[in-house]
């Protein structure tokens, strides 16, 4: 893989410390590239309980394992840099995909300052695992044309930076809320105060793809109390929108009459088979 036009050598052939997405929980959802990298590692620095211990036991048993929880950059960077420079194979293992609400880039920049190269290896994010659990799509023809990954206001996000109400207001958007399990009731109360339809479907998927996965379904009006009754305060993905139910959608153009020889519509390609990459 290269960003400067050189030949693509693949994720497992890159030089440096890979920042690997461990996926949402199920070890089977670790990518092939991720599995090869962790199996060959001498040192795996992982995101604590956010990474399923079964994955660590199955694929990282021969590596030294270091939990990054509670360690700051001043501790993590020398740990990884020293190991790498001494010739050890180092893997930094993040939960889900490092690109979604992770802190990979600041670590990679710090490693670069220390003269150590690094790179990203994608993973499966929890929104996709939750969608699979719900047996639906995040985008559905004539139901949801857009997907938003967001988080609620709190210590990191000010009320002015919380746009969940705006996103829900679009109507044809599936809103996936990360890092908001503790604030489901408060978030729904704000949506109700803003005048959003109380019957809008909402699903909360706790530990998507883990053995103890749990699904709570409701509406903007009812989901807060249901989640509080369940006692979940972390590690759940909240999905708001009509796509939650996977119903009332229209057939896509891909399987319409024109796909069997009729005239194609005058719009953009509707699937990867028509030239769109995903």
Protein backbone atom coordinates (compact mmCIF):
# COMPACT_ATOMS: atom_id res chain seq x y z
CA UNK A 1 0.00 0.00 0.00
CA UNK A 2 1.31 3.42 -0.88
CA UNK A 3 0.15 7.03 -0.89
CA UNK A 4 2.83 8.24 -3.29
CA UNK A 5 2.16 6.09 -6.33
CA UNK A 6 4.53 3.22 -5.53
CA UNK A 7 3.40 -0.37 -6.04
CA UNK A 8 0.89 -1.69 -3.55
CA UNK A 9 2.52 -4.26 -1.28
CA UNK A 10 -0.49 -5.03 0.92
CA UNK A 11 -1.27 -4.33 4.55
CA UNK A 12 0.89 -7.15 5.89
CA UNK A 13 3.97 -6.01 3.98
CA UNK A 14 4.08 -2.40 5.14
CA UNK A 15 7.02 -1.11 7.14
CA UNK A 16 6.31 0.12 10.65
CA UNK A 17 3.81 -0.45 13.41
CA UNK A 18 0.32 -1.32 12.14
CA UNK A 19 -2.69 0.18 13.90
CA UNK A 20 -5.15 -2.66 13.42
CA UNK A 21 -8.92 -2.50 13.78
CA UNK A 22 -9.89 -5.50 15.90
CA UNK A 23 -13.52 -5.32 14.81
CA UNK A 24 -16.60 -5.02 17.01
CA UNK A 25 -15.97 -8.08 19.18
CA UNK A 26 -16.41 -11.43 17.47
CA UNK A 27 -12.90 -12.77 16.67
CA UNK A 28 -14.23 -13.97 13.31
CA UNK A 29 -14.75 -10.33 12.32
CA UNK A 30 -11.05 -9.54 12.58
CA UNK A 31 -9.89 -9.01 8.99
CA UNK A 32 -7.57 -11.48 7.30
CA UNK A 33 -4.84 -8.83 7.25
CA UNK A 34 -5.38 -8.05 10.93
CA UNK A 35 -5.20 -11.70 11.88
CA UNK A 36 -1.93 -12.24 10.00
CA UNK A 37 -0.38 -9.23 11.69
CA UNK A 38 -1.36 -10.10 15.27
CA UNK A 39 -0.41 -13.75 14.83
CA UNK A 40 3.10 -12.68 13.80
CA UNK A 41 3.47 -10.05 16.53
CA UNK A 42 5.94 -10.13 19.39
CA UNK A 43 4.14 -7.31 21.20
CA UNK A 44 0.42 -6.47 20.97
CA UNK A 45 -0.71 -3.26 22.63
CA UNK A 46 -4.49 -3.52 22.86
CA UNK A 47 -7.44 -1.44 23.96
CA UNK A 48 -8.24 -3.38 27.12
CA UNK A 49 -11.75 -4.75 27.59
CA UNK A 50 -12.87 -3.11 24.35
CA UNK A 51 -11.09 -5.96 22.56
CA UNK A 52 -12.63 -9.38 23.13
CA UNK A 53 -10.31 -11.51 25.27
CA UNK A 54 -11.22 -14.50 23.08
CA UNK A 55 -9.54 -12.72 20.16
CA UNK A 56 -6.42 -12.11 22.20
CA UNK A 57 -6.34 -15.72 23.41
CA UNK A 58 -6.88 -17.14 19.94
CA UNK A 59 -4.60 -14.99 17.82
CA UNK A 60 -2.15 -13.31 20.20
CA UNK A 61 -1.28 -16.11 22.59
CA UNK A 62 2.40 -16.12 21.63
CA UNK A 63 2.82 -12.35 21.92
CA UNK A 64 3.45 -10.13 24.89
CA UNK A 65 0.14 -8.35 25.54
CA UNK A 66 -0.03 -4.86 27.01
CA UNK A 67 -3.30 -3.19 27.98
CA UNK A 68 -3.22 0.46 26.91
CA UNK A 69 -5.99 1.54 29.28
CA UNK A 70 -4.68 4.06 31.80
CA UNK A 71 -1.47 4.71 29.87
CA UNK A 72 -0.82 8.13 28.32
CA UNK A 73 1.20 8.92 25.21
CA UNK A 74 4.33 9.53 27.24
CA UNK A 75 4.19 5.90 28.34
CA UNK A 76 2.77 4.23 25.24
CA UNK A 77 5.03 5.78 22.61
CA UNK A 78 8.38 4.80 24.19
CA UNK A 79 6.96 1.33 24.91
CA UNK A 80 6.10 0.74 21.24
CA UNK A 81 9.06 2.65 19.79
CA UNK A 82 11.66 0.89 21.91
CA UNK A 83 10.20 -2.53 21.08
CA UNK A 84 10.11 -1.73 17.36
CA UNK A 85 13.64 -0.33 17.28
CA UNK A 86 14.94 -3.40 19.08
CA UNK A 87 13.66 -5.55 16.23
CA UNK A 88 10.44 -6.79 17.75
CA UNK A 89 7.24 -6.97 15.69
CA UNK A 90 4.73 -4.58 17.26
CA UNK A 91 0.98 -4.31 16.62
CA UNK A 92 -1.29 -1.64 18.07
CA UNK A 93 -4.77 -3.17 18.33
CA UNK A 94 -7.76 -0.81 18.47
CA UNK A 95 -11.39 -1.79 18.87
CA UNK A 96 -13.70 -1.57 15.86
CA UNK A 97 -12.05 0.54 13.17
CA UNK A 98 -9.31 2.98 14.22
CA UNK A 99 -10.84 5.68 12.00
CA UNK A 100 -14.07 5.89 14.04
CA UNK A 101 -13.74 7.73 17.37
CA UNK A 102 -10.29 6.35 17.98
CA UNK A 103 -7.12 8.15 18.98
CA UNK A 104 -4.85 6.47 16.47
CA UNK A 105 -3.57 9.51 14.62
CA UNK A 106 -2.12 11.23 17.67
CA UNK A 107 -0.20 8.07 18.48
CA UNK A 108 0.98 7.72 14.89
CA UNK A 109 2.13 11.34 14.82
CA UNK A 110 4.00 10.84 18.09
CA UNK A 111 5.65 7.71 16.71
CA UNK A 112 6.67 9.63 13.60
CA UNK A 113 8.33 12.26 15.78
CA UNK A 114 10.25 9.42 17.41
CA UNK A 115 11.33 8.21 13.97
CA UNK A 116 9.07 5.15 13.92
CA UNK A 117 6.78 4.59 10.90
CA UNK A 118 3.22 3.35 11.31
CA UNK A 119 0.13 2.70 9.22
CA UNK A 120 -3.57 1.89 9.49
CA UNK A 121 -5.30 -1.44 8.90
CA UNK A 122 -9.11 -1.08 8.70
CA UNK A 123 -11.51 -3.02 10.87
CA UNK A 124 -15.26 -3.64 11.09
CA UNK A 125 -16.97 -0.89 13.06
CA UNK A 126 -19.77 -1.63 15.51
CA UNK A 127 -22.43 0.12 13.41
CA UNK A 128 -22.00 -2.54 10.75
CA UNK A 129 -22.17 -5.37 13.28
CA UNK A 130 -25.28 -3.79 14.82
CA UNK A 131 -26.91 -3.49 11.40
CA UNK A 132 -26.22 -7.17 10.76
CA UNK A 133 -27.72 -8.10 14.12
CA UNK A 134 -30.86 -6.12 13.29
CA UNK A 135 -31.00 -7.80 9.87
CA UNK A 136 -31.34 -4.47 8.15
CA UNK A 137 -29.35 -1.99 6.08
CA UNK A 138 -28.21 1.41 7.23
CA UNK A 139 -29.26 2.70 3.82
CA UNK A 140 -32.57 1.64 2.26
CA UNK A 141 -34.11 2.87 -0.96
CA UNK A 142 -36.75 5.56 -0.26
CA UNK A 143 -36.17 5.15 3.51
CA UNK A 144 -32.62 6.24 4.30
CA UNK A 145 -30.29 7.86 1.81
CA UNK A 146 -27.62 8.89 4.31
CA UNK A 147 -25.76 7.51 7.32
CA UNK A 148 -24.31 9.64 10.11
CA UNK A 149 -21.75 8.54 12.68
CA UNK A 150 -21.97 10.88 15.64
CA UNK A 151 -21.75 11.14 19.43
CA UNK A 152 -23.77 13.04 22.04
CA UNK A 153 -22.76 16.06 24.02
CA UNK A 154 -20.69 15.47 27.11
CA UNK A 155 -17.16 15.94 28.35
CA UNK A 156 -15.73 15.90 24.83
CA UNK A 157 -18.59 17.51 22.89
CA UNK A 158 -20.26 20.76 23.89
CA UNK A 159 -24.03 21.22 23.50
CA UNK A 160 -23.34 23.50 20.53
CA UNK A 161 -21.39 20.69 18.83
CA UNK A 162 -24.13 18.10 19.36
CA UNK A 163 -26.02 17.87 16.05
CA UNK A 164 -28.03 14.69 16.68
CA UNK A 165 -31.30 16.62 16.47
CA UNK A 166 -30.28 18.12 13.13
CA UNK A 167 -29.40 14.72 11.73
CA UNK A 168 -32.64 13.09 12.92
CA UNK A 169 -34.53 16.03 11.45
CA UNK A 170 -33.32 15.19 7.96
CA UNK A 171 -35.79 12.31 7.99
CA UNK A 172 -34.06 10.11 5.41
CA UNK A 173 -30.95 9.58 7.52
CA UNK A 174 -29.85 6.70 9.74
CA UNK A 175 -28.12 8.15 12.80
CA UNK A 176 -25.55 5.92 14.52
CA UNK A 177 -24.54 7.19 17.94
CA UNK A 178 -21.24 6.05 19.39
CA UNK A 179 -20.05 6.59 22.96
CA UNK A 180 -23.54 7.49 24.11
CA UNK A 181 -24.91 4.50 26.03
CA UNK A 182 -24.81 6.42 29.30
CA UNK A 183 -26.79 9.28 27.79
CA UNK A 184 -29.55 7.55 25.81
CA UNK A 185 -32.37 8.87 28.00
CA UNK A 186 -31.01 12.42 28.02
CA UNK A 187 -30.46 12.35 24.26
CA UNK A 188 -34.01 11.15 23.60
CA UNK A 189 -35.43 13.78 25.96
CA UNK A 190 -33.65 16.47 23.97
CA UNK A 191 -35.05 15.07 20.73
CA UNK A 192 -38.56 15.11 22.19
CA UNK A 193 -38.08 18.67 23.44
CA UNK A 194 -37.02 19.65 19.91
CA UNK A 195 -40.29 18.26 18.54
CA UNK A 196 -39.08 15.14 16.78
CA UNK A 197 -41.58 12.36 16.14
CA UNK A 198 -41.74 10.28 19.34
CA UNK A 199 -42.55 7.17 17.28
CA UNK A 200 -39.27 7.30 15.33
CA UNK A 201 -37.67 3.83 15.64
CA UNK A 202 -34.57 3.41 17.78
CA UNK A 203 -32.45 0.33 18.44
CA UNK A 204 -29.69 -0.03 21.01
CA UNK A 205 -27.32 -2.93 20.40
CA UNK A 206 -25.14 -3.75 23.39
CA UNK A 207 -21.85 -5.54 22.64
CA UNK A 208 -22.68 -6.08 18.97
CA UNK A 209 -21.30 -9.47 17.85
CA UNK A 210 -20.11 -10.44 21.36
CA UNK A 211 -21.43 -13.60 23.09
CA UNK A 212 -23.47 -11.41 25.48
CA UNK A 213 -24.92 -9.25 22.71
CA UNK A 214 -28.29 -7.73 23.56
CA UNK A 215 -30.78 -5.77 21.46
CA UNK A 216 -33.23 -3.25 22.85
CA UNK A 217 -35.77 -1.84 20.41
CA UNK A 218 -38.15 1.03 20.90
CA UNK A 219 -38.78 4.58 19.83
CA UNK A 220 -37.48 8.02 20.68
CA UNK A 221 -40.18 8.13 23.35
CA UNK A 222 -39.61 4.70 24.91
CA UNK A 223 -35.98 3.66 24.40
CA UNK A 224 -34.47 5.72 27.21
CA UNK A 225 -36.42 3.99 29.94
CA UNK A 226 -35.77 0.58 28.39
CA UNK A 227 -32.03 1.12 28.36
CA UNK A 228 -32.05 2.41 31.93
CA UNK A 229 -34.03 -0.67 33.02
CA UNK A 230 -31.42 -2.89 31.32
CA UNK A 231 -28.67 -1.10 33.23
CA UNK A 232 -26.33 -0.53 30.31
CA UNK A 233 -23.99 2.45 30.65
CA UNK A 234 -21.37 1.71 28.00
CA UNK A 235 -20.47 -0.42 24.98
CA UNK A 236 -23.71 -0.07 23.04
CA UNK A 237 -24.41 1.38 19.60
CA UNK A 238 -27.56 3.50 19.24
CA UNK A 239 -29.30 3.61 15.87
CA UNK A 240 -32.10 6.08 15.13
CA UNK A 241 -34.21 6.08 11.98
CA UNK A 242 -36.77 4.24 9.92
CA UNK A 243 -34.10 1.87 8.58
CA UNK A 244 -34.00 0.24 12.02
CA UNK A 245 -37.14 -1.72 11.13
CA UNK A 246 -35.95 -2.70 7.66
CA UNK A 247 -39.41 -2.13 6.20
CA UNK A 248 -41.35 0.11 3.80
CA UNK A 249 -38.45 0.35 1.37
CA UNK A 250 -38.69 0.44 -2.40
CA UNK A 251 -36.93 -2.01 -4.69
CA UNK A 252 -33.65 -0.65 -5.95
CA UNK A 253 -32.99 0.12 -9.59
CA UNK A 254 -30.48 -2.72 -9.58
CA UNK A 255 -33.31 -5.27 -9.61
CA UNK A 256 -35.80 -3.22 -11.61
CA UNK A 257 -37.01 -3.89 -15.16
CA UNK A 258 -34.19 -1.89 -16.72
CA UNK A 259 -31.63 -4.26 -15.17
CA UNK A 260 -33.15 -7.03 -17.31
CA UNK A 261 -32.69 -5.12 -20.54
CA UNK A 262 -34.73 -1.97 -20.16
CA UNK A 263 -33.46 1.59 -20.20
CA UNK A 264 -31.21 2.61 -17.30
CA UNK A 265 -32.33 5.59 -15.23
CA UNK A 266 -30.62 8.93 -15.75
CA UNK A 267 -28.95 9.10 -12.37
CA UNK A 268 -25.78 7.99 -10.67
CA UNK A 269 -24.81 4.28 -10.40
CA UNK A 270 -26.84 2.51 -7.74
CA UNK A 271 -24.47 -0.26 -6.69
CA UNK A 272 -20.94 -1.50 -6.87
CA UNK A 273 -21.90 -3.56 -9.93
CA UNK A 274 -22.59 -0.30 -11.74
CA UNK A 275 -19.22 1.24 -10.98
CA UNK A 276 -19.56 2.49 -7.40
CA UNK A 277 -16.97 1.36 -4.89
CA UNK A 278 -17.94 0.78 -1.29
